PDB file of N, CA and C in Angstrom:
ATOM      1  N   MET A   1      -2.795   9.786  -9.800  1.00  0.00           N
ATOM      2  CA  MET A   1      -1.723   8.904  -8.900  1.00  0.00           C
ATOM      3  C   MET A   1      -0.666   7.499  -9.502  1.00  0.00           C
ATOM      4  N   LEU A   2      -2.561   6.869  -9.342  1.00  0.00           N
ATOM      5  CA  LEU A   2      -2.209   5.486  -9.727  1.00  0.00           C
ATOM      6  C   LEU A   2      -2.163   5.010 -10.793  1.00  0.00           C
ATOM      7  N   ILE A   3      -2.756   5.744 -11.959  1.00  0.00           N
ATOM      8  CA  ILE A   3      -2.442   5.529 -12.793  1.00  0.00           C
ATOM      9  C   ILE A   3      -1.390   5.355 -13.487  1.00  0.00           C
ATOM     10  N   PHE A   4      -0.762   6.547 -13.774  1.00  0.00           N
ATOM     11  CA  PHE A   4       1.127   6.910 -13.833  1.00  0.00           C
ATOM     12  C   PHE A   4       1.978   6.213 -12.976  1.00  0.00           C
ATOM     13  N   SER A   5       1.898   4.907 -12.137  1.00  0.00           N
ATOM     14  CA  SER A   5       2.227   4.414 -11.162  1.00  0.00           C
ATOM     15  C   SER A   5       3.554   5.679 -10.424  1.00  0.00           C
ATOM     16  N   TYR A   6       3.365   6.595 -10.349  1.00  0.00           N
ATOM     17  CA  TYR A   6       4.306   8.148 -10.200  1.00  0.00           C
ATOM     18  C   TYR A   6       3.603   8.509  -8.348  1.00  0.00           C
ATOM     19  N   PHE A   7       4.834   8.342  -7.821  1.00  0.00           N
ATOM     20  CA  PHE A   7       5.054   8.486  -6.400  1.00  0.00           C
ATOM     21  C   PHE A   7       5.875   9.606  -6.372  1.00  0.00           C
ATOM     22  N   PRO A   8       5.362  11.107  -6.275  1.00  0.00           N
ATOM     23  CA  PRO A   8       5.629  12.761  -5.990  1.00  0.00           C
ATOM     24  C   PRO A   8       7.277  12.155  -5.171  1.00  0.00           C
ATOM     25  N   LEU A   9       8.499  12.378  -4.916  1.00  0.00           N
ATOM     26  CA  LEU A   9       9.259  12.859  -4.137  1.00  0.00           C
ATOM     27  C   LEU A   9       8.939  12.626  -3.107  1.00  0.00           C
ATOM     28  N   ILE A  10       8.465  14.852  -3.071  1.00  0.00           N
ATOM     29  CA  ILE A  10       8.471  15.375  -2.021  1.00  0.00           C
ATOM     30  C   ILE A  10       7.749  14.809  -1.199  1.00  0.00           C
ATOM     31  N   TRP A  11       6.801  13.602  -1.829  1.00  0.00           N
ATOM     32  CA  TRP A  11       5.553  12.964  -0.036  1.00  0.00           C
ATOM     33  C   TRP A  11       6.587  12.173   0.334  1.00  0.00           C
ATOM     34  N   LYS A  12       7.572  11.505  -0.507  1.00  0.00           N
ATOM     35  CA  LYS A  12       8.341  10.831   0.642  1.00  0.00           C
ATOM     36  C   LYS A  12       9.647  11.222   1.059  1.00  0.00           C
ATOM     37  N   PHE A  13       9.893  12.299   2.216  1.00  0.00           N
ATOM     38  CA  PHE A  13      10.344  13.013   2.505  1.00  0.00           C
ATOM     39  C   PHE A  13       9.702  13.040   3.983  1.00  0.00           C
ATOM     40  N   SER A  14       9.989  12.815   5.448  1.00  0.00           N
ATOM     41  CA  SER A  14       9.520  13.519   6.507  1.00  0.00           C
ATOM     42  C   SER A  14      10.318  14.394   7.559  1.00  0.00           C
ATOM     43  N   THR A  15       9.253  14.537   8.503  1.00  0.00           N
ATOM     44  CA  THR A  15      10.215  15.473   9.795  1.00  0.00           C
ATOM     45  C   THR A  15      10.399  14.368  10.351  1.00  0.00           C
ATOM     46  N   ILE A  16      11.099  14.126  11.014  1.00  0.00           N
ATOM     47  CA  ILE A  16      11.777  13.697  12.163  1.00  0.00           C
ATOM     48  C   ILE A  16      11.900  14.522  13.447  1.00  0.00           C
ATOM     49  N   ILE A  17      10.697  13.917  14.612  1.00  0.00           N
ATOM     50  CA  ILE A  17      10.496  14.818  15.925  1.00  0.00           C
ATOM     51  C   ILE A  17      11.601  13.367  17.282  1.00  0.00           C
ATOM     52  N   LEU A  18      12.470  14.126  17.714  1.00  0.00           N
ATOM     53  CA  LEU A  18      13.009  12.920  18.633  1.00  0.00           C
ATOM     54  C   LEU A  18      11.683  13.407  20.483  1.00  0.00           C
ATOM     55  N   ILE A  19      11.299  11.807  20.693  1.00  0.00           N
ATOM     56  CA  ILE A  19      11.049  12.121  21.651  1.00  0.00           C
ATOM     57  C   ILE A  19      11.281  11.670  22.935  1.00  0.00           C
ATOM     58  N   HIS A  20      12.272  12.197  23.772  1.00  0.00           N
ATOM     59  CA  HIS A  20      12.554  11.556  25.417  1.00  0.00           C
ATOM     60  C   HIS A  20      11.937  10.675  25.880  1.00  0.00           C
ATOM     61  N   LYS A  21      12.184   9.315  26.293  1.00  0.00           N
ATOM     62  CA  LYS A  21      11.747   8.093  26.890  1.00  0.00           C
ATOM     63  C   LYS A  21      11.690   8.962  28.280  1.00  0.00           C
ATOM     64  N   PRO A  22      10.614   7.916  29.519  1.00  0.00           N
ATOM     65  CA  PRO A  22      10.702   8.819  30.810  1.00  0.00           C
ATOM     66  C   PRO A  22      11.949   7.706  31.365  1.00  0.00           C
ATOM     67  N   ASN A  23      12.390   8.557  32.419  1.00  0.00           N
ATOM     68  CA  ASN A  23      13.231   8.005  32.763  1.00  0.00           C
ATOM     69  C   ASN A  23      14.039   7.632  32.427  1.00  0.00           C
ATOM     70  N   LYS A  24      15.090   8.687  31.524  1.00  0.00           N
ATOM     71  CA  LYS A  24      15.940   8.589  30.661  1.00  0.00           C
ATOM     72  C   LYS A  24      16.765   9.241  30.553  1.00  0.00           C
ATOM     73  N   ASN A  25      18.529   9.052  30.970  1.00  0.00           N
ATOM     74  CA  ASN A  25      19.320   9.426  30.541  1.00  0.00           C
ATOM     75  C   ASN A  25      19.452  10.803  29.571  1.00  0.00           C
ATOM     76  N   LYS A  26      18.593  12.133  29.123  1.00  0.00           N
ATOM     77  CA  LYS A  26      18.511  13.124  28.251  1.00  0.00           C
ATOM     78  C   LYS A  26      19.727  13.234  27.336  1.00  0.00           C
ATOM     79  N   ASN A  27      21.001  12.178  28.539  1.00  0.00           N
ATOM     80  CA  ASN A  27      22.268  13.142  27.442  1.00  0.00           C
ATOM     81  C   ASN A  27      22.456  11.496  26.703  1.00  0.00           C
ATOM     82  N   GLU A  28      21.544  10.557  26.635  1.00  0.00           N
ATOM     83  CA  GLU A  28      22.007   8.886  25.453  1.00  0.00           C
ATOM     84  C   GLU A  28      21.664   9.818  24.309  1.00  0.00           C
ATOM     85  N   ALA A  29      22.000   9.500  23.351  1.00  0.00           N
ATOM     86  CA  ALA A  29      21.041   8.693  22.532  1.00  0.00           C
ATOM     87  C   ALA A  29      19.798   7.806  22.765  1.00  0.00           C
ATOM     88  N   SER A  30      20.267   6.881  23.323  1.00  0.00           N
ATOM     89  CA  SER A  30      18.994   5.249  23.211  1.00  0.00           C
ATOM     90  C   SER A  30      17.989   6.180  24.037  1.00  0.00           C
ATOM     91  N   SER A  31      17.751   7.173  24.321  1.00  0.00           N
ATOM     92  CA  SER A  31      16.269   7.760  25.716  1.00  0.00           C
ATOM     93  C   SER A  31      16.002   8.625  24.414  1.00  0.00           C
ATOM     94  N   TYR A  32      15.313   8.850  23.364  1.00  0.00           N
ATOM     95  CA  TYR A  32      14.666   8.652  22.879  1.00  0.00           C
ATOM     96  C   TYR A  32      14.086   7.929  21.561  1.00  0.00           C
ATOM     97  N   ARG A  33      13.308   8.142  21.044  1.00  0.00           N
ATOM     98  CA  ARG A  33      12.160   7.241  20.657  1.00  0.00           C
ATOM     99  C   ARG A  33      11.763   8.715  19.047  1.00  0.00           C
ATOM    100  N   PRO A  34      12.213   7.931  17.889  1.00  0.00           N
ATOM    101  CA  PRO A  34      12.017   8.972  16.062  1.00  0.00           C
ATOM    102  C   PRO A  34      10.734   8.868  16.457  1.00  0.00           C
ATOM    103  N   ILE A  35      10.333   9.911  15.705  1.00  0.00           N
ATOM    104  CA  ILE A  35       8.183   9.410  15.356  1.00  0.00           C
ATOM    105  C   ILE A  35       8.781   9.911  13.686  1.00  0.00           C
ATOM    106  N   SER A  36       8.034   9.623  12.014  1.00  0.00           N
ATOM    107  CA  SER A  36       8.243  10.602  11.901  1.00  0.00           C
ATOM    108  C   SER A  36       7.072  11.042  10.742  1.00  0.00           C
ATOM    109  N   LEU A  37       7.135  12.214  11.127  1.00  0.00           N
ATOM    110  CA  LEU A  37       6.178  13.029  10.278  1.00  0.00           C
ATOM    111  C   LEU A  37       5.503  13.044   8.464  1.00  0.00           C
ATOM    112  N   LEU A  38       5.423  12.127   8.168  1.00  0.00           N
ATOM    113  CA  LEU A  38       4.501  12.352   6.492  1.00  0.00           C
ATOM    114  C   LEU A  38       4.246  13.880   6.496  1.00  0.00           C
ATOM    115  N   LEU A  39       4.163  14.507   5.054  1.00  0.00           N
ATOM    116  CA  LEU A  39       3.018  14.822   4.430  1.00  0.00           C
ATOM    117  C   LEU A  39       1.665  14.163   4.230  1.00  0.00           C
ATOM    118  N   VAL A  40       0.150  15.266   5.337  1.00  0.00           N
ATOM    119  CA  VAL A  40      -0.843  15.019   4.429  1.00  0.00           C
ATOM    120  C   VAL A  40      -1.313  14.196   3.941  1.00  0.00           C
ATOM    121  N   LEU A  41      -0.433  14.712   2.553  1.00  0.00           N
ATOM    122  CA  LEU A  41      -1.104  13.908   1.132  1.00  0.00           C
ATOM    123  C   LEU A  41      -0.773  12.794   0.887  1.00  0.00           C
ATOM    124  N   ALA A  42       0.795  12.748   1.206  1.00  0.00           N
ATOM    125  CA  ALA A  42       0.700  11.464   1.398  1.00  0.00           C
ATOM    126  C   ALA A  42       0.306  10.308   2.349  1.00  0.00           C
ATOM    127  N   LYS A  43       0.146  10.399   3.568  1.00  0.00           N
ATOM    128  CA  LYS A  43      -0.399   9.912   4.274  1.00  0.00           C
ATOM    129  C   LYS A  43      -1.794   9.232   3.169  1.00  0.00           C
ATOM    130  N   LEU A  44      -2.711  10.866   2.762  1.00  0.00           N
ATOM    131  CA  LEU A  44      -4.505   9.312   2.463  1.00  0.00           C
ATOM    132  C   LEU A  44      -3.818   9.116   1.004  1.00  0.00           C
ATOM    133  N   PHE A  45      -2.992   8.782   0.154  1.00  0.00           N
ATOM    134  CA  PHE A  45      -2.532   7.964  -0.854  1.00  0.00           C
ATOM    135  C   PHE A  45      -1.946   6.932  -0.628  1.00  0.00           C
ATOM    136  N   GLU A  46      -1.366   6.864   1.178  1.00  0.00           N
ATOM    137  CA  GLU A  46      -1.197   5.511   1.445  1.00  0.00           C
ATOM    138  C   GLU A  46      -2.497   5.341   1.380  1.00  0.00           C
ATOM    139  N   LYS A  47      -3.873   5.603   2.033  1.00  0.00           N
ATOM    140  CA  LYS A  47      -4.710   5.247   2.691  1.00  0.00           C
ATOM    141  C   LYS A  47      -5.119   4.623   1.650  1.00  0.00           C
ATOM    142  N   ILE A  48      -5.793   5.075   0.695  1.00  0.00           N
ATOM    143  CA  ILE A  48      -6.962   5.077  -0.180  1.00  0.00           C
ATOM    144  C   ILE A  48      -5.705   4.016  -1.596  1.00  0.00           C
ATOM    145  N   LEU A  49      -4.979   3.880  -1.045  1.00  0.00           N
ATOM    146  CA  LEU A  49      -3.872   2.252  -1.939  1.00  0.00           C
ATOM    147  C   LEU A  49      -4.672   0.805  -1.014  1.00  0.00           C
ATOM    148  N   LEU A  50      -3.984   1.753   0.112  1.00  0.00           N
ATOM    149  CA  LEU A  50      -4.466   0.012   1.086  1.00  0.00           C
ATOM    150  C   LEU A  50      -5.546  -0.106   0.923  1.00  0.00           C
ATOM    151  N   LEU A  51      -6.341   0.359   0.984  1.00  0.00           N
ATOM    152  CA  LEU A  51      -7.992   0.298   0.327  1.00  0.00           C
ATOM    153  C   LEU A  51      -8.372  -0.408  -0.351  1.00  0.00           C
ATOM    154  N   ARG A  52      -7.374   0.113  -1.253  1.00  0.00           N
ATOM    155  CA  ARG A  52      -7.884  -0.644  -3.230  1.00  0.00           C
ATOM    156  C   ARG A  52      -7.304  -1.684  -2.841  1.00  0.00           C
ATOM    157  N   ILE A  53      -6.515  -2.072  -1.936  1.00  0.00           N
ATOM    158  CA  ILE A  53      -5.523  -3.629  -2.750  1.00  0.00           C
ATOM    159  C   ILE A  53      -6.162  -4.217  -1.529  1.00  0.00           C
ATOM    160  N   ARG A  54      -6.967  -3.543   0.314  1.00  0.00           N
ATOM    161  CA  ARG A  54      -7.403  -4.887   0.764  1.00  0.00           C
ATOM    162  C   ARG A  54      -8.818  -5.168   0.038  1.00  0.00           C
ATOM    163  N   SER A  55      -8.995  -3.646  -1.445  1.00  0.00           N
ATOM    164  CA  SER A  55     -10.761  -4.558  -1.977  1.00  0.00           C
ATOM    165  C   SER A  55     -10.310  -5.864  -3.159  1.00  0.00           C
ATOM    166  N   VAL A  56      -9.816  -5.738  -3.392  1.00  0.00           N
ATOM    167  CA  VAL A  56      -9.072  -7.017  -4.131  1.00  0.00           C
ATOM    168  C   VAL A  56      -8.567  -8.086  -3.372  1.00  0.00           C
ATOM    169  N   THR A  57      -7.636  -7.728  -2.658  1.00  0.00           N
ATOM    170  CA  THR A  57      -7.981  -9.547  -1.891  1.00  0.00           C
ATOM    171  C   THR A  57      -8.468 -10.022  -1.076  1.00  0.00           C
ATOM    172  N   GLN A  58      -9.066  -9.211  -0.457  1.00  0.00           N
ATOM    173  CA  GLN A  58     -11.194 -10.097  -0.022  1.00  0.00           C
ATOM    174  C   GLN A  58     -11.244 -11.050  -0.604  1.00  0.00           C
ATOM    175  N   PRO A  59     -11.829 -12.321   0.249  1.00  0.00           N
ATOM    176  CA  PRO A  59     -11.744 -13.493  -0.475  1.00  0.00           C
ATOM    177  C   PRO A  59     -12.807 -13.637  -2.162  1.00  0.00           C
ATOM    178  N   LYS A  60     -14.103 -12.368  -0.985  1.00  0.00           N
ATOM    179  CA  LYS A  60     -15.028 -12.497  -2.089  1.00  0.00           C
ATOM    180  C   LYS A  60     -15.276 -11.932  -3.309  1.00  0.00           C
ATOM    181  N   TYR A  61     -13.475 -10.760  -3.169  1.00  0.00           N
ATOM    182  CA  TYR A  61     -13.435 -10.588  -4.741  1.00  0.00           C
ATOM    183  C   TYR A  61     -12.150 -11.368  -5.260  1.00  0.00           C
ATOM    184  N   VAL A  62     -11.488 -12.092  -4.406  1.00  0.00           N
ATOM    185  CA  VAL A  62     -10.724 -12.433  -5.130  1.00  0.00           C
ATOM    186  C   VAL A  62     -11.427 -14.188  -5.926  1.00  0.00           C
ATOM    187  N   ILE A  63     -12.117 -14.720  -5.132  1.00  0.00           N
ATOM    188  CA  ILE A  63     -12.862 -15.704  -5.700  1.00  0.00           C
ATOM    189  C   ILE A  63     -14.191 -14.628  -7.231  1.00  0.00           C
ATOM    190  N   LYS A  64     -14.438 -13.955  -7.187  1.00  0.00           N
ATOM    191  CA  LYS A  64     -14.882 -13.282  -8.303  1.00  0.00           C
ATOM    192  C   LYS A  64     -13.318 -13.122  -9.787  1.00  0.00           C
ATOM    193  N   TYR A  65     -12.321 -12.714  -9.107  1.00  0.00           N
ATOM    194  CA  TYR A  65     -11.415 -12.201 -10.401  1.00  0.00           C
ATOM    195  C   TYR A  65     -10.780 -13.798 -10.500  1.00  0.00           C
ATOM    196  N   ILE A  66     -11.366 -14.794  -9.642  1.00  0.00           N
ATOM    197  CA  ILE A  66     -10.357 -16.556 -10.383  1.00  0.00           C
ATOM    198  C   ILE A  66     -11.609 -16.924 -10.546  1.00  0.00           C
ATOM    199  N   ASN A  67     -12.502 -16.484 -10.602  1.00  0.00           N
ATOM    200  CA  ASN A  67     -13.742 -17.366 -12.298  1.00  0.00           C
ATOM    201  C   ASN A  67     -13.390 -16.438 -13.087  1.00  0.00           C
ATOM    202  N   LYS A  68     -13.241 -15.175 -12.790  1.00  0.00           N
ATOM    203  CA  LYS A  68     -13.206 -14.571 -14.425  1.00  0.00           C
ATOM    204  C   LYS A  68     -12.263 -14.853 -15.108  1.00  0.00           C
ATOM    205  N   MET A  69     -11.214 -14.813 -14.182  1.00  0.00           N
ATOM    206  CA  MET A  69      -9.759 -15.510 -15.048  1.00  0.00           C
ATOM    207  C   MET A  69     -10.331 -16.995 -15.935  1.00  0.00           C
ATOM    208  N   LEU A  70     -10.872 -18.484 -15.528  1.00  0.00           N
ATOM    209  CA  LEU A  70     -11.071 -18.876 -15.405  1.00  0.00           C
ATOM    210  C   LEU A  70     -11.685 -19.323 -16.721  1.00  0.00           C
ATOM    211  N   PHE A  71     -12.515 -17.900 -16.822  1.00  0.00           N
ATOM    212  CA  PHE A  71     -13.705 -17.844 -17.894  1.00  0.00           C
ATOM    213  C   PHE A  71     -13.208 -17.645 -19.003  1.00  0.00           C
ATOM    214  N   SER A  72     -11.928 -16.446 -18.557  1.00  0.00           N
ATOM    215  CA  SER A  72     -11.752 -16.398 -20.505  1.00  0.00           C
ATOM    216  C   SER A  72     -10.464 -17.308 -20.650  1.00  0.00           C
ATOM    217  N   ILE A  73      -9.981 -17.645 -19.755  1.00  0.00           N
ATOM    218  CA  ILE A  73      -9.292 -18.897 -20.188  1.00  0.00           C
ATOM    219  C   ILE A  73     -10.143 -20.370 -20.927  1.00  0.00           C
ATOM    220  N   HIS A  74     -10.821 -20.695 -20.738  1.00  0.00           N
ATOM    221  CA  HIS A  74     -12.647 -21.546 -20.685  1.00  0.00           C
ATOM    222  C   HIS A  74     -12.386 -21.199 -21.757  1.00  0.00           C
ATOM    223  N   LEU A  75     -12.891 -19.845 -22.117  1.00  0.00           N
ATOM    224  CA  LEU A  75     -13.265 -19.229 -24.058  1.00  0.00           C
ATOM    225  C   LEU A  75     -12.227 -19.181 -24.770  1.00  0.00           C
ATOM    226  N   LYS A  76     -10.768 -18.943 -24.707  1.00  0.00           N
ATOM    227  CA  LYS A  76      -9.973 -19.677 -25.772  1.00  0.00           C
ATOM    228  C   LYS A  76      -9.386 -20.196 -25.446  1.00  0.00           C
ATOM    229  N   PHE A  77      -9.322 -22.019 -24.897  1.00  0.00           N
ATOM    230  CA  PHE A  77      -9.323 -22.646 -25.409  1.00  0.00           C
ATOM    231  C   PHE A  77     -10.456 -23.091 -26.506  1.00  0.00           C
ATOM    232  N   ARG A  78     -11.354 -22.371 -26.255  1.00  0.00           N
ATOM    233  CA  ARG A  78     -12.292 -23.391 -26.385  1.00  0.00           C
ATOM    234  C   ARG A  78     -12.247 -22.978 -28.324  1.00  0.00           C
ATOM    235  N   SER A  79     -11.673 -21.295 -28.530  1.00  0.00           N
ATOM    236  CA  SER A  79     -11.741 -20.763 -29.441  1.00  0.00           C
ATOM    237  C   SER A  79     -10.390 -21.261 -30.170  1.00  0.00           C
ATOM    238  N   ILE A  80      -9.162 -21.600 -29.755  1.00  0.00           N
ATOM    239  CA  ILE A  80      -8.453 -22.163 -30.150  1.00  0.00           C
ATOM    240  C   ILE A  80      -8.742 -23.426 -30.579  1.00  0.00           C
ATOM    241  N   VAL A  81      -9.380 -25.188 -29.715  1.00  0.00           N
ATOM    242  CA  VAL A  81     -10.117 -25.902 -30.356  1.00  0.00           C
ATOM    243  C   VAL A  81     -11.246 -25.954 -31.562  1.00  0.00           C
ATOM    244  N   CYS A  82     -11.340 -24.962 -31.409  1.00  0.00           N
ATOM    245  CA  CYS A  82     -12.783 -24.910 -32.834  1.00  0.00           C
ATOM    246  C   CYS A  82     -12.032 -24.626 -33.628  1.00  0.00           C
ATOM    247  N   TYR A  83     -10.866 -23.679 -33.943  1.00  0.00           N
ATOM    248  CA  TYR A  83     -10.285 -23.800 -35.324  1.00  0.00           C
ATOM    249  C   TYR A  83      -9.520 -25.334 -35.536  1.00  0.00           C
TER     250      TYR A  83
END
């Protein structure tokens, strides 16, 4: 899924359940709390995506990435200067 940058349309739909708030009038719309239920596959995909994002954005990974990026820029600069 991540390779294709594709999130299936069916996973974007949810079932909405209304939960009555205690001590509120059942005839008023504001007396209910909406809860949306997603498909299990959509929730799993979100969790996997979150883990990947966190692994990249944690400080030790960010430092490694920046060092790698700077090193590659340095090599490109040296190759340009040498010619």
